[in-house]
Amino acid sequence: MRDIRDIRGDLQDRANLLEEQINAHEAQFEKLVEQIRAEHEARIEDLKAEFAAVTKLLELEHRRLGAQAPKAAPTQPAPQAVHQSSHQGAHQGAHQTHQSAHQPHQGGAHQPAHQPVHQPAPQPQQPLSDFLVRKLNEVGAMSRDDLRRSAMQEGYFADADTADRGVHATLLNVVKAGLIRQLPNGNFAPATVLDTIRLRRAM
């Protein structure tokens, strides 16, 4: 009878080789995953830093354009024109009074008196973001409600709902720009020197 060759050793060697190949592929896969994750995180950090820099530049541009906005100077009439206008007005007024004294009133209706002209409320002279930053630098840490009330007192908003939405959106932009920071309790405070250094490094 023919002897059957024992191939168990060969099969074991083959199994060992396949296991080593599997482990090698797994290690290579894990290495690629770590490399992709590191590249992804680095790209995200770069984009965040660029976003913060652009947001700060936008705030600075708003401040620059707001400071350069021309203010219309009130037009003063020339002295001679004022004198002539006053003289003509007095002469016409006397003439009309003389005519009205000789003409009967028609229909018994009286001419209405001049109504006082309503003057609009003064508008804020600086952007809301600059006002919030200045307020925090002057007072220190403040809550969003305190900042909203201050903005309404300065004439930025007419009602509480609009003020709440406007102040909330502006605070988020100013925090992203690194001009102020939000504390763990939810209040807002001026940016520290460390925050400024971090923002400059990001830029």
N, C-alpha and C. Protein backbone atom coordinates (compact mmCIF):
# COMPACT_ATOMS: atom_id res chain seq x y z
N MET A 1 0.85 -1.19 0.00
CA MET A 1 0.00 0.00 0.00
C MET A 1 0.89 1.23 0.00
N ARG A 2 0.48 2.21 -0.78
CA ARG A 2 1.26 3.43 -0.94
C ARG A 2 1.12 4.31 0.29
N ASP A 3 2.27 4.85 0.78
CA ASP A 3 2.22 5.73 1.95
C ASP A 3 1.66 7.10 1.58
N ILE A 4 0.78 7.64 2.42
CA ILE A 4 0.19 8.98 2.22
C ILE A 4 1.11 9.99 2.88
N ARG A 5 1.50 10.97 2.08
CA ARG A 5 2.44 11.99 2.59
C ARG A 5 1.72 12.89 3.59
N ASP A 6 2.37 13.17 4.70
CA ASP A 6 1.83 14.05 5.74
C ASP A 6 2.09 15.50 5.35
N ILE A 7 1.03 16.25 5.03
CA ILE A 7 1.19 17.66 4.59
C ILE A 7 0.72 18.64 5.67
N ARG A 8 0.55 18.16 6.87
CA ARG A 8 0.09 19.06 7.92
C ARG A 8 1.09 20.18 8.18
N GLY A 9 2.34 19.87 8.10
CA GLY A 9 3.35 20.91 8.32
C GLY A 9 3.28 22.00 7.25
N ASP A 10 3.08 21.54 5.99
CA ASP A 10 2.96 22.54 4.90
C ASP A 10 1.73 23.43 5.10
N LEU A 11 0.61 22.79 5.49
CA LEU A 11 -0.61 23.57 5.71
C LEU A 11 -0.44 24.56 6.86
N GLN A 12 0.29 24.12 7.88
CA GLN A 12 0.51 25.02 9.01
C GLN A 12 1.37 26.21 8.61
N ASP A 13 2.38 25.95 7.79
CA ASP A 13 3.22 27.04 7.30
C ASP A 13 2.40 28.02 6.46
N ARG A 14 1.55 27.45 5.62
CA ARG A 14 0.71 28.31 4.79
C ARG A 14 -0.24 29.16 5.64
N ALA A 15 -0.81 28.55 6.68
CA ALA A 15 -1.71 29.28 7.56
C ALA A 15 -0.96 30.40 8.28
N ASN A 16 0.27 30.09 8.72
CA ASN A 16 1.06 31.11 9.40
C ASN A 16 1.37 32.28 8.46
N LEU A 17 1.69 31.96 7.21
CA LEU A 17 1.99 33.01 6.23
C LEU A 17 0.77 33.89 5.98
N LEU A 18 -0.39 33.26 5.82
CA LEU A 18 -1.62 34.03 5.60
C LEU A 18 -1.95 34.93 6.79
N GLU A 19 -1.71 34.40 7.99
CA GLU A 19 -1.99 35.21 9.19
C GLU A 19 -1.07 36.42 9.25
N GLU A 20 0.21 36.24 8.86
CA GLU A 20 1.13 37.36 8.86
C GLU A 20 0.72 38.42 7.83
N GLN A 21 0.24 37.95 6.66
CA GLN A 21 -0.22 38.89 5.64
C GLN A 21 -1.45 39.67 6.11
N ILE A 22 -2.35 38.97 6.79
CA ILE A 22 -3.55 39.65 7.32
C ILE A 22 -3.15 40.72 8.33
N ASN A 23 -2.24 40.36 9.23
CA ASN A 23 -1.79 41.33 10.24
C ASN A 23 -1.09 42.52 9.59
N ALA A 24 -0.32 42.25 8.55
CA ALA A 24 0.38 43.34 7.87
C ALA A 24 -0.60 44.30 7.20
N HIS A 25 -1.64 43.73 6.54
CA HIS A 25 -2.65 44.57 5.90
C HIS A 25 -3.43 45.38 6.93
N GLU A 26 -3.74 44.77 8.07
CA GLU A 26 -4.46 45.48 9.14
C GLU A 26 -3.61 46.65 9.66
N ALA A 27 -2.33 46.39 9.86
CA ALA A 27 -1.45 47.45 10.35
C ALA A 27 -1.33 48.58 9.33
N GLN A 28 -1.22 48.21 8.04
CA GLN A 28 -1.14 49.23 7.01
C GLN A 28 -2.43 50.05 6.94
N PHE A 29 -3.58 49.38 7.10
CA PHE A 29 -4.87 50.07 7.08
C PHE A 29 -4.98 51.06 8.25
N GLU A 30 -4.59 50.63 9.44
CA GLU A 30 -4.65 51.51 10.61
C GLU A 30 -3.73 52.72 10.43
N LYS A 31 -2.58 52.49 9.82
CA LYS A 31 -1.66 53.58 9.59
C LYS A 31 -2.25 54.60 8.63
N LEU A 32 -2.90 54.13 7.56
CA LEU A 32 -3.55 55.04 6.61
C LEU A 32 -4.67 55.82 7.26
N VAL A 33 -5.45 55.15 8.13
CA VAL A 33 -6.56 55.83 8.81
C VAL A 33 -6.02 56.95 9.70
N GLU A 34 -4.96 56.68 10.45
CA GLU A 34 -4.37 57.70 11.31
C GLU A 34 -3.83 58.87 10.49
N GLN A 35 -3.23 58.55 9.36
CA GLN A 35 -2.69 59.62 8.52
C GLN A 35 -3.81 60.50 7.96
N ILE A 36 -4.89 59.86 7.50
CA ILE A 36 -6.03 60.63 6.97
C ILE A 36 -6.67 61.47 8.07
N ARG A 37 -6.79 60.90 9.27
CA ARG A 37 -7.40 61.64 10.38
C ARG A 37 -6.54 62.85 10.76
N ALA A 38 -5.24 62.67 10.78
CA ALA A 38 -4.35 63.79 11.12
C ALA A 38 -4.43 64.90 10.06
N GLU A 39 -4.47 64.51 8.78
CA GLU A 39 -4.58 65.51 7.72
C GLU A 39 -5.92 66.24 7.80
N HIS A 40 -6.97 65.48 8.12
CA HIS A 40 -8.30 66.09 8.25
C HIS A 40 -8.33 67.11 9.39
N GLU A 41 -7.79 66.76 10.54
CA GLU A 41 -7.80 67.67 11.68
C GLU A 41 -6.94 68.91 11.41
N ALA A 42 -5.81 68.71 10.74
CA ALA A 42 -4.96 69.85 10.42
C ALA A 42 -5.66 70.80 9.46
N ARG A 43 -6.37 70.25 8.49
CA ARG A 43 -7.10 71.10 7.53
C ARG A 43 -8.22 71.86 8.21
N ILE A 44 -8.92 71.19 9.12
CA ILE A 44 -10.01 71.86 9.84
C ILE A 44 -9.47 73.01 10.68
N GLU A 45 -8.33 72.79 11.35
CA GLU A 45 -7.73 73.85 12.16
C GLU A 45 -7.32 75.04 11.28
N ASP A 46 -6.77 74.76 10.10
CA ASP A 46 -6.39 75.85 9.19
C ASP A 46 -7.61 76.64 8.75
N LEU A 47 -8.69 75.94 8.43
CA LEU A 47 -9.91 76.62 7.99
C LEU A 47 -10.51 77.46 9.12
N LYS A 48 -10.48 76.92 10.35
CA LYS A 48 -11.01 77.68 11.48
C LYS A 48 -10.18 78.94 11.73
N ALA A 49 -8.87 78.82 11.63
CA ALA A 49 -8.01 79.99 11.83
C ALA A 49 -8.26 81.04 10.74
N GLU A 50 -8.42 80.58 9.49
CA GLU A 50 -8.69 81.52 8.40
C GLU A 50 -10.04 82.18 8.58
N PHE A 51 -11.03 81.41 9.04
CA PHE A 51 -12.37 81.97 9.29
C PHE A 51 -12.32 83.04 10.36
N ALA A 52 -11.59 82.78 11.45
CA ALA A 52 -11.48 83.77 12.53
C ALA A 52 -10.79 85.03 12.04
N ALA A 53 -9.75 84.88 11.22
CA ALA A 53 -9.04 86.04 10.71
C ALA A 53 -9.93 86.88 9.79
N VAL A 54 -10.68 86.22 8.91
CA VAL A 54 -11.56 86.95 7.99
C VAL A 54 -12.66 87.66 8.77
N THR A 55 -13.19 87.00 9.80
CA THR A 55 -14.24 87.62 10.61
C THR A 55 -13.72 88.86 11.31
N LYS A 56 -12.51 88.79 11.85
CA LYS A 56 -11.93 89.96 12.51
C LYS A 56 -11.68 91.09 11.52
N LEU A 57 -11.18 90.75 10.34
CA LEU A 57 -10.96 91.78 9.32
C LEU A 57 -12.26 92.44 8.91
N LEU A 58 -13.33 91.64 8.85
CA LEU A 58 -14.65 92.20 8.51
C LEU A 58 -15.11 93.18 9.58
N GLU A 59 -14.90 92.82 10.84
CA GLU A 59 -15.27 93.72 11.94
C GLU A 59 -14.46 95.02 11.86
N LEU A 60 -13.16 94.90 11.59
CA LEU A 60 -12.32 96.09 11.47
C LEU A 60 -12.74 96.96 10.30
N GLU A 61 -13.17 96.34 9.20
CA GLU A 61 -13.61 97.09 8.03
C GLU A 61 -14.90 97.83 8.34
N HIS A 62 -15.82 97.18 9.07
CA HIS A 62 -17.05 97.86 9.50
C HIS A 62 -16.72 99.07 10.37
N ARG A 63 -15.75 98.88 11.28
CA ARG A 63 -15.37 99.99 12.16
C ARG A 63 -14.73 101.12 11.37
N ARG A 64 -13.88 100.78 10.38
CA ARG A 64 -13.22 101.82 9.61
C ARG A 64 -14.21 102.61 8.77
N LEU A 65 -15.13 101.90 8.11
CA LEU A 65 -16.11 102.59 7.27
C LEU A 65 -17.07 103.41 8.12
N GLY A 66 -17.40 102.89 9.32
CA GLY A 66 -18.28 103.66 10.19
C GLY A 66 -17.62 104.94 10.68
N ALA A 67 -16.29 104.89 10.92
CA ALA A 67 -15.59 106.08 11.38
C ALA A 67 -15.40 107.10 10.26
N GLN A 68 -15.35 106.63 9.00
CA GLN A 68 -15.14 107.53 7.87
C GLN A 68 -16.42 108.04 7.27
N ALA A 69 -17.59 107.65 7.81
CA ALA A 69 -18.86 108.10 7.24
C ALA A 69 -18.96 109.62 7.40
N PRO A 70 -19.18 110.37 6.30
CA PRO A 70 -19.24 111.84 6.40
C PRO A 70 -20.51 112.27 7.11
N LYS A 71 -20.37 113.29 7.94
CA LYS A 71 -21.51 113.86 8.64
C LYS A 71 -21.87 115.18 7.98
N ALA A 72 -23.14 115.32 7.58
CA ALA A 72 -23.59 116.52 6.89
C ALA A 72 -23.63 117.69 7.87
N ALA A 73 -22.94 118.78 7.53
CA ALA A 73 -22.93 119.96 8.39
C ALA A 73 -24.20 120.75 8.17
N PRO A 74 -24.79 121.29 9.22
CA PRO A 74 -26.02 122.07 9.06
C PRO A 74 -25.74 123.32 8.24
N THR A 75 -26.61 123.58 7.29
CA THR A 75 -26.47 124.73 6.40
C THR A 75 -27.01 125.97 7.08
N GLN A 76 -26.16 126.97 7.24
CA GLN A 76 -26.56 128.23 7.86
C GLN A 76 -26.83 129.26 6.76
N PRO A 77 -27.96 129.92 6.77
CA PRO A 77 -28.22 130.94 5.75
C PRO A 77 -27.31 132.14 5.94
N ALA A 78 -27.02 132.80 4.84
CA ALA A 78 -26.17 133.99 4.90
C ALA A 78 -26.87 135.08 5.68
N PRO A 79 -26.11 135.92 6.41
CA PRO A 79 -26.74 136.98 7.21
C PRO A 79 -27.61 137.91 6.39
N GLN A 80 -27.16 138.26 5.19
CA GLN A 80 -27.94 139.16 4.37
C GLN A 80 -29.24 138.53 3.96
N ALA A 81 -29.18 137.22 3.61
CA ALA A 81 -30.40 136.53 3.21
C ALA A 81 -31.37 136.44 4.37
N VAL A 82 -30.85 136.23 5.59
CA VAL A 82 -31.72 136.17 6.76
C VAL A 82 -32.40 137.50 6.98
N HIS A 83 -31.65 138.58 6.83
CA HIS A 83 -32.21 139.91 7.02
C HIS A 83 -33.29 140.20 6.00
N GLN A 84 -33.00 139.85 4.72
CA GLN A 84 -33.98 140.09 3.67
C GLN A 84 -35.22 139.24 3.88
N SER A 85 -35.00 137.95 4.26
CA SER A 85 -36.14 137.07 4.47
C SER A 85 -37.01 137.56 5.61
N SER A 86 -36.36 138.04 6.71
CA SER A 86 -37.12 138.52 7.85
C SER A 86 -37.89 139.77 7.48
N HIS A 87 -37.25 140.67 6.70
CA HIS A 87 -37.91 141.90 6.29
C HIS A 87 -39.10 141.61 5.38
N GLN A 88 -38.89 140.68 4.40
CA GLN A 88 -39.98 140.35 3.50
C GLN A 88 -41.11 139.65 4.23
N GLY A 89 -40.73 138.76 5.17
CA GLY A 89 -41.76 138.06 5.91
C GLY A 89 -42.59 139.02 6.75
N ALA A 90 -41.92 139.97 7.39
CA ALA A 90 -42.66 140.93 8.20
C ALA A 90 -43.58 141.77 7.33
N HIS A 91 -43.09 142.20 6.14
CA HIS A 91 -43.90 143.02 5.25
C HIS A 91 -45.11 142.24 4.75
N GLN A 92 -44.88 140.96 4.34
CA GLN A 92 -46.00 140.14 3.86
C GLN A 92 -46.98 139.86 4.97
N GLY A 93 -46.45 139.61 6.20
CA GLY A 93 -47.35 139.34 7.31
C GLY A 93 -48.23 140.54 7.61
N ALA A 94 -47.66 141.73 7.56
CA ALA A 94 -48.46 142.93 7.81
C ALA A 94 -49.49 143.13 6.73
N HIS A 95 -49.12 142.83 5.47
CA HIS A 95 -50.06 142.98 4.36
C HIS A 95 -51.21 142.01 4.49
N GLN A 96 -50.90 140.74 4.87
CA GLN A 96 -51.97 139.75 5.02
C GLN A 96 -52.86 140.10 6.19
N THR A 97 -52.29 140.64 7.26
CA THR A 97 -53.11 141.04 8.41
C THR A 97 -54.06 142.17 8.02
N HIS A 98 -53.55 143.11 7.21
CA HIS A 98 -54.39 144.21 6.76
C HIS A 98 -55.54 143.70 5.89
N GLN A 99 -55.25 142.71 4.99
CA GLN A 99 -56.29 142.16 4.14
C GLN A 99 -57.31 141.37 4.95
N SER A 100 -56.85 140.61 5.91
CA SER A 100 -57.78 139.81 6.70
C SER A 100 -58.68 140.67 7.57
N ALA A 101 -58.21 141.88 7.93
CA ALA A 101 -59.04 142.77 8.73
C ALA A 101 -60.21 143.31 7.93
N HIS A 102 -60.07 143.41 6.60
CA HIS A 102 -61.13 143.94 5.75
C HIS A 102 -61.96 142.86 5.10
N GLN A 103 -61.59 141.58 5.21
CA GLN A 103 -62.33 140.50 4.59
C GLN A 103 -63.02 139.69 5.66
N PRO A 104 -64.31 139.36 5.50
CA PRO A 104 -65.04 138.55 6.50
C PRO A 104 -64.55 137.12 6.46
N HIS A 105 -64.62 136.45 7.61
CA HIS A 105 -64.26 135.03 7.69
C HIS A 105 -65.29 134.22 6.93
N GLN A 106 -64.84 133.28 6.14
CA GLN A 106 -65.72 132.43 5.36
C GLN A 106 -65.90 131.10 6.06
N GLY A 107 -67.16 130.78 6.34
CA GLY A 107 -67.49 129.49 6.93
C GLY A 107 -67.17 129.40 8.39
N GLY A 108 -66.63 130.45 8.99
CA GLY A 108 -66.34 130.44 10.41
C GLY A 108 -65.23 129.48 10.80
N ALA A 109 -64.46 128.98 9.82
CA ALA A 109 -63.40 128.02 10.11
C ALA A 109 -62.13 128.77 10.44
N HIS A 110 -61.41 128.32 11.41
CA HIS A 110 -60.15 128.92 11.82
C HIS A 110 -59.00 128.11 11.24
N GLN A 111 -57.96 128.78 10.90
CA GLN A 111 -56.77 128.09 10.39
C GLN A 111 -56.11 127.34 11.55
N PRO A 112 -55.74 126.09 11.33
CA PRO A 112 -55.11 125.32 12.41
C PRO A 112 -53.74 125.89 12.76
N ALA A 113 -53.40 125.81 14.03
CA ALA A 113 -52.09 126.29 14.49
C ALA A 113 -51.01 125.33 14.03
N HIS A 114 -49.81 125.86 13.92
CA HIS A 114 -48.69 125.02 13.50
C HIS A 114 -48.42 123.94 14.54
N GLN A 115 -48.35 122.69 14.05
CA GLN A 115 -48.07 121.57 14.94
C GLN A 115 -46.56 121.44 15.14
N PRO A 116 -46.12 121.09 16.36
CA PRO A 116 -44.67 120.91 16.58
C PRO A 116 -44.13 119.75 15.77
N VAL A 117 -42.98 119.94 15.18
CA VAL A 117 -42.35 118.91 14.36
C VAL A 117 -41.69 117.88 15.27
N HIS A 118 -42.03 116.60 15.05
CA HIS A 118 -41.47 115.52 15.88
C HIS A 118 -40.04 115.25 15.44
N GLN A 119 -39.12 115.37 16.35
CA GLN A 119 -37.72 115.11 16.06
C GLN A 119 -37.40 113.63 16.29
N PRO A 120 -36.78 112.96 15.32
CA PRO A 120 -36.44 111.54 15.52
C PRO A 120 -35.42 111.37 16.61
N ALA A 121 -35.46 110.19 17.24
CA ALA A 121 -34.52 109.88 18.31
C ALA A 121 -33.10 109.82 17.75
N PRO A 122 -32.12 110.29 18.49
CA PRO A 122 -30.73 110.24 18.00
C PRO A 122 -30.28 108.82 17.76
N GLN A 123 -29.58 108.62 16.67
CA GLN A 123 -29.09 107.30 16.30
C GLN A 123 -27.69 107.07 16.89
N PRO A 124 -27.33 105.81 17.19
CA PRO A 124 -25.98 105.52 17.71
C PRO A 124 -24.91 105.94 16.73
N GLN A 125 -23.78 106.39 17.26
CA GLN A 125 -22.70 106.90 16.44
C GLN A 125 -21.65 105.85 16.10
N GLN A 126 -21.75 104.60 16.62
CA GLN A 126 -20.76 103.57 16.34
C GLN A 126 -21.46 102.24 16.14
N PRO A 127 -20.83 101.30 15.43
CA PRO A 127 -21.44 99.98 15.23
C PRO A 127 -21.73 99.30 16.56
N LEU A 128 -22.73 98.40 16.52
CA LEU A 128 -23.12 97.70 17.74
C LEU A 128 -21.97 96.86 18.30
N SER A 129 -21.18 96.24 17.41
CA SER A 129 -20.06 95.42 17.89
C SER A 129 -19.05 96.26 18.67
N ASP A 130 -18.75 97.47 18.18
CA ASP A 130 -17.81 98.34 18.90
C ASP A 130 -18.39 98.78 20.23
N PHE A 131 -19.69 99.04 20.25
CA PHE A 131 -20.32 99.45 21.51
C PHE A 131 -20.25 98.34 22.55
N LEU A 132 -20.52 97.09 22.14
CA LEU A 132 -20.48 95.98 23.09
C LEU A 132 -19.07 95.76 23.63
N VAL A 133 -18.06 95.82 22.73
CA VAL A 133 -16.68 95.65 23.18
C VAL A 133 -16.29 96.77 24.16
N ARG A 134 -16.66 98.01 23.82
CA ARG A 134 -16.32 99.13 24.70
C ARG A 134 -17.03 99.00 26.05
N LYS A 135 -18.28 98.55 26.04
CA LYS A 135 -19.03 98.41 27.28
C LYS A 135 -18.38 97.37 28.19
N LEU A 136 -17.96 96.25 27.61
CA LEU A 136 -17.32 95.21 28.41
C LEU A 136 -15.96 95.67 28.94
N ASN A 137 -15.23 96.43 28.15
CA ASN A 137 -13.95 96.94 28.62
C ASN A 137 -14.13 97.95 29.75
N GLU A 138 -15.24 98.69 29.73
CA GLU A 138 -15.48 99.69 30.77
C GLU A 138 -16.03 99.06 32.05
N VAL A 139 -16.98 98.15 31.90
CA VAL A 139 -17.69 97.60 33.06
C VAL A 139 -17.07 96.30 33.54
N GLY A 140 -16.64 95.45 32.61
CA GLY A 140 -16.18 94.11 32.96
C GLY A 140 -17.20 93.08 32.48
N ALA A 141 -17.19 91.91 33.08
CA ALA A 141 -18.08 90.83 32.66
C ALA A 141 -19.53 91.25 32.82
N MET A 142 -20.34 90.95 31.78
CA MET A 142 -21.77 91.28 31.79
C MET A 142 -22.54 90.13 31.14
N SER A 143 -23.80 90.00 31.53
CA SER A 143 -24.65 88.99 30.92
C SER A 143 -25.22 89.53 29.61
N ARG A 144 -25.83 88.64 28.83
CA ARG A 144 -26.41 89.06 27.56
C ARG A 144 -27.61 89.98 27.80
N ASP A 145 -28.37 89.74 28.87
CA ASP A 145 -29.51 90.61 29.17
C ASP A 145 -29.05 92.02 29.52
N ASP A 146 -27.95 92.12 30.30
CA ASP A 146 -27.44 93.45 30.64
C ASP A 146 -26.96 94.18 29.40
N LEU A 147 -26.28 93.46 28.50
CA LEU A 147 -25.82 94.07 27.26
C LEU A 147 -27.00 94.48 26.38
N ARG A 148 -28.06 93.66 26.37
CA ARG A 148 -29.24 94.02 25.58
C ARG A 148 -29.89 95.30 26.11
N ARG A 149 -30.01 95.40 27.44
CA ARG A 149 -30.61 96.62 28.01
C ARG A 149 -29.75 97.85 27.72
N SER A 150 -28.45 97.68 27.80
CA SER A 150 -27.56 98.81 27.50
C SER A 150 -27.70 99.25 26.04
N ALA A 151 -27.81 98.28 25.13
CA ALA A 151 -27.96 98.61 23.71
C ALA A 151 -29.28 99.33 23.45
N MET A 152 -30.34 98.93 24.14
CA MET A 152 -31.63 99.60 23.96
C MET A 152 -31.58 101.02 24.52
N GLN A 153 -30.89 101.21 25.65
CA GLN A 153 -30.77 102.55 26.21
C GLN A 153 -29.99 103.48 25.29
N GLU A 154 -29.05 102.92 24.52
CA GLU A 154 -28.26 103.74 23.59
C GLU A 154 -28.99 103.99 22.28
N GLY A 155 -30.18 103.38 22.10
CA GLY A 155 -30.96 103.63 20.90
C GLY A 155 -30.70 102.70 19.75
N TYR A 156 -30.04 101.55 19.99
CA TYR A 156 -29.77 100.62 18.90
C TYR A 156 -31.03 99.85 18.49
N PHE A 157 -31.94 99.61 19.41
CA PHE A 157 -33.14 98.83 19.13
C PHE A 157 -34.34 99.51 19.77
N ALA A 158 -35.53 99.24 19.17
CA ALA A 158 -36.76 99.84 19.68
C ALA A 158 -37.54 98.88 20.58
N ASP A 159 -37.37 97.57 20.42
CA ASP A 159 -38.10 96.62 21.24
C ASP A 159 -37.16 95.52 21.72
N ALA A 160 -37.62 94.80 22.75
CA ALA A 160 -36.76 93.82 23.41
C ALA A 160 -36.48 92.61 22.53
N ASP A 161 -37.48 92.15 21.74
CA ASP A 161 -37.27 90.96 20.91
C ASP A 161 -36.20 91.20 19.85
N THR A 162 -36.32 92.32 19.15
CA THR A 162 -35.31 92.65 18.14
C THR A 162 -33.94 92.84 18.78
N ALA A 163 -33.91 93.47 19.94
CA ALA A 163 -32.64 93.68 20.63
C ALA A 163 -32.00 92.36 21.04
N ASP A 164 -32.81 91.42 21.52
CA ASP A 164 -32.27 90.13 21.95
C ASP A 164 -31.62 89.39 20.79
N ARG A 165 -32.31 89.36 19.64
CA ARG A 165 -31.74 88.66 18.47
C ARG A 165 -30.50 89.38 17.94
N GLY A 166 -30.56 90.71 17.86
CA GLY A 166 -29.43 91.45 17.32
C GLY A 166 -28.19 91.37 18.20
N VAL A 167 -28.38 91.49 19.52
CA VAL A 167 -27.25 91.42 20.44
C VAL A 167 -26.65 90.01 20.44
N HIS A 168 -27.53 88.99 20.40
CA HIS A 168 -27.02 87.61 20.41
C HIS A 168 -26.16 87.34 19.18
N ALA A 169 -26.63 87.72 17.99
CA ALA A 169 -25.86 87.48 16.76
C ALA A 169 -24.55 88.26 16.77
N THR A 170 -24.59 89.50 17.24
CA THR A 170 -23.38 90.31 17.26
C THR A 170 -22.36 89.76 18.25
N LEU A 171 -22.83 89.28 19.40
CA LEU A 171 -21.91 88.71 20.38
C LEU A 171 -21.19 87.48 19.82
N LEU A 172 -21.93 86.64 19.09
CA LEU A 172 -21.29 85.46 18.51
C LEU A 172 -20.18 85.85 17.54
N ASN A 173 -20.45 86.86 16.71
CA ASN A 173 -19.44 87.30 15.74
C ASN A 173 -18.22 87.91 16.44
N VAL A 174 -18.46 88.69 17.50
CA VAL A 174 -17.35 89.33 18.19
C VAL A 174 -16.51 88.29 18.94
N VAL A 175 -17.18 87.26 19.49
CA VAL A 175 -16.43 86.18 20.16
C VAL A 175 -15.57 85.45 19.14
N LYS A 176 -16.12 85.14 17.95
CA LYS A 176 -15.34 84.46 16.92
C LYS A 176 -14.16 85.31 16.47
N ALA A 177 -14.35 86.65 16.46
CA ALA A 177 -13.26 87.54 16.05
C ALA A 177 -12.18 87.66 17.12
N GLY A 178 -12.43 87.13 18.32
CA GLY A 178 -11.44 87.19 19.38
C GLY A 178 -11.40 88.49 20.14
N LEU A 179 -12.41 89.38 19.93
CA LEU A 179 -12.41 90.67 20.62
C LEU A 179 -12.94 90.54 22.04
N ILE A 180 -13.81 89.57 22.29
CA ILE A 180 -14.31 89.29 23.63
C ILE A 180 -14.32 87.78 23.80
N ARG A 181 -14.64 87.31 25.02
CA ARG A 181 -14.72 85.88 25.27
C ARG A 181 -15.95 85.59 26.12
N GLN A 182 -16.45 84.37 26.04
CA GLN A 182 -17.60 83.95 26.82
C GLN A 182 -17.13 83.09 27.99
N LEU A 183 -17.57 83.43 29.19
CA LEU A 183 -17.17 82.73 30.39
C LEU A 183 -17.97 81.45 30.56
N PRO A 184 -17.52 80.53 31.41
CA PRO A 184 -18.27 79.27 31.62
C PRO A 184 -19.69 79.49 32.13
N ASN A 185 -19.95 80.58 32.86
CA ASN A 185 -21.30 80.83 33.36
C ASN A 185 -22.20 81.51 32.34
N GLY A 186 -21.72 81.72 31.12
CA GLY A 186 -22.53 82.31 30.07
C GLY A 186 -22.34 83.80 29.89
N ASN A 187 -21.73 84.48 30.85
CA ASN A 187 -21.49 85.91 30.72
C ASN A 187 -20.37 86.17 29.71
N PHE A 188 -20.23 87.44 29.34
CA PHE A 188 -19.22 87.84 28.37
C PHE A 188 -18.25 88.80 29.04
N ALA A 189 -16.98 88.72 28.66
CA ALA A 189 -15.93 89.52 29.27
C ALA A 189 -14.96 89.97 28.19
N PRO A 190 -14.17 91.00 28.48
CA PRO A 190 -13.16 91.44 27.50
C PRO A 190 -12.13 90.34 27.24
N ALA A 191 -11.57 90.36 26.07
CA ALA A 191 -10.53 89.37 25.72
C ALA A 191 -9.27 89.66 26.52
N THR A 192 -8.65 88.60 27.02
CA THR A 192 -7.41 88.74 27.77
C THR A 192 -6.22 88.84 26.82
N VAL A 193 -5.06 89.11 27.40
CA VAL A 193 -3.84 89.18 26.59
C VAL A 193 -3.55 87.82 25.96
N LEU A 194 -3.84 86.75 26.70
CA LEU A 194 -3.60 85.40 26.17
C LEU A 194 -4.49 85.13 24.97
N ASP A 195 -5.75 85.58 25.04
CA ASP A 195 -6.64 85.40 23.89
C ASP A 195 -6.12 86.16 22.68
N THR A 196 -5.62 87.37 22.89
CA THR A 196 -5.09 88.15 21.76
C THR A 196 -3.89 87.47 21.13
N ILE A 197 -3.00 86.91 21.97
CA ILE A 197 -1.82 86.22 21.44
C ILE A 197 -2.23 85.00 20.62
N ARG A 198 -3.20 84.25 21.12
CA ARG A 198 -3.67 83.08 20.38
C ARG A 198 -4.27 83.47 19.05
N LEU A 199 -5.05 84.57 19.02
CA LEU A 199 -5.63 85.01 17.77
C LEU A 199 -4.56 85.45 16.78
N ARG A 200 -3.54 86.14 17.26
CA ARG A 200 -2.47 86.57 16.34
C ARG A 200 -1.71 85.37 15.78
N ARG A 201 -1.50 84.35 16.61
CA ARG A 201 -0.84 83.15 16.10
C ARG A 201 -1.69 82.45 15.07
N ALA A 202 -3.01 82.46 15.28
CA ALA A 202 -3.91 81.83 14.32
C ALA A 202 -3.90 82.57 13.00
N MET A 203 -3.72 83.90 13.06
CA MET A 203 -3.69 84.69 11.83
C MET A 203 -2.36 84.55 11.13
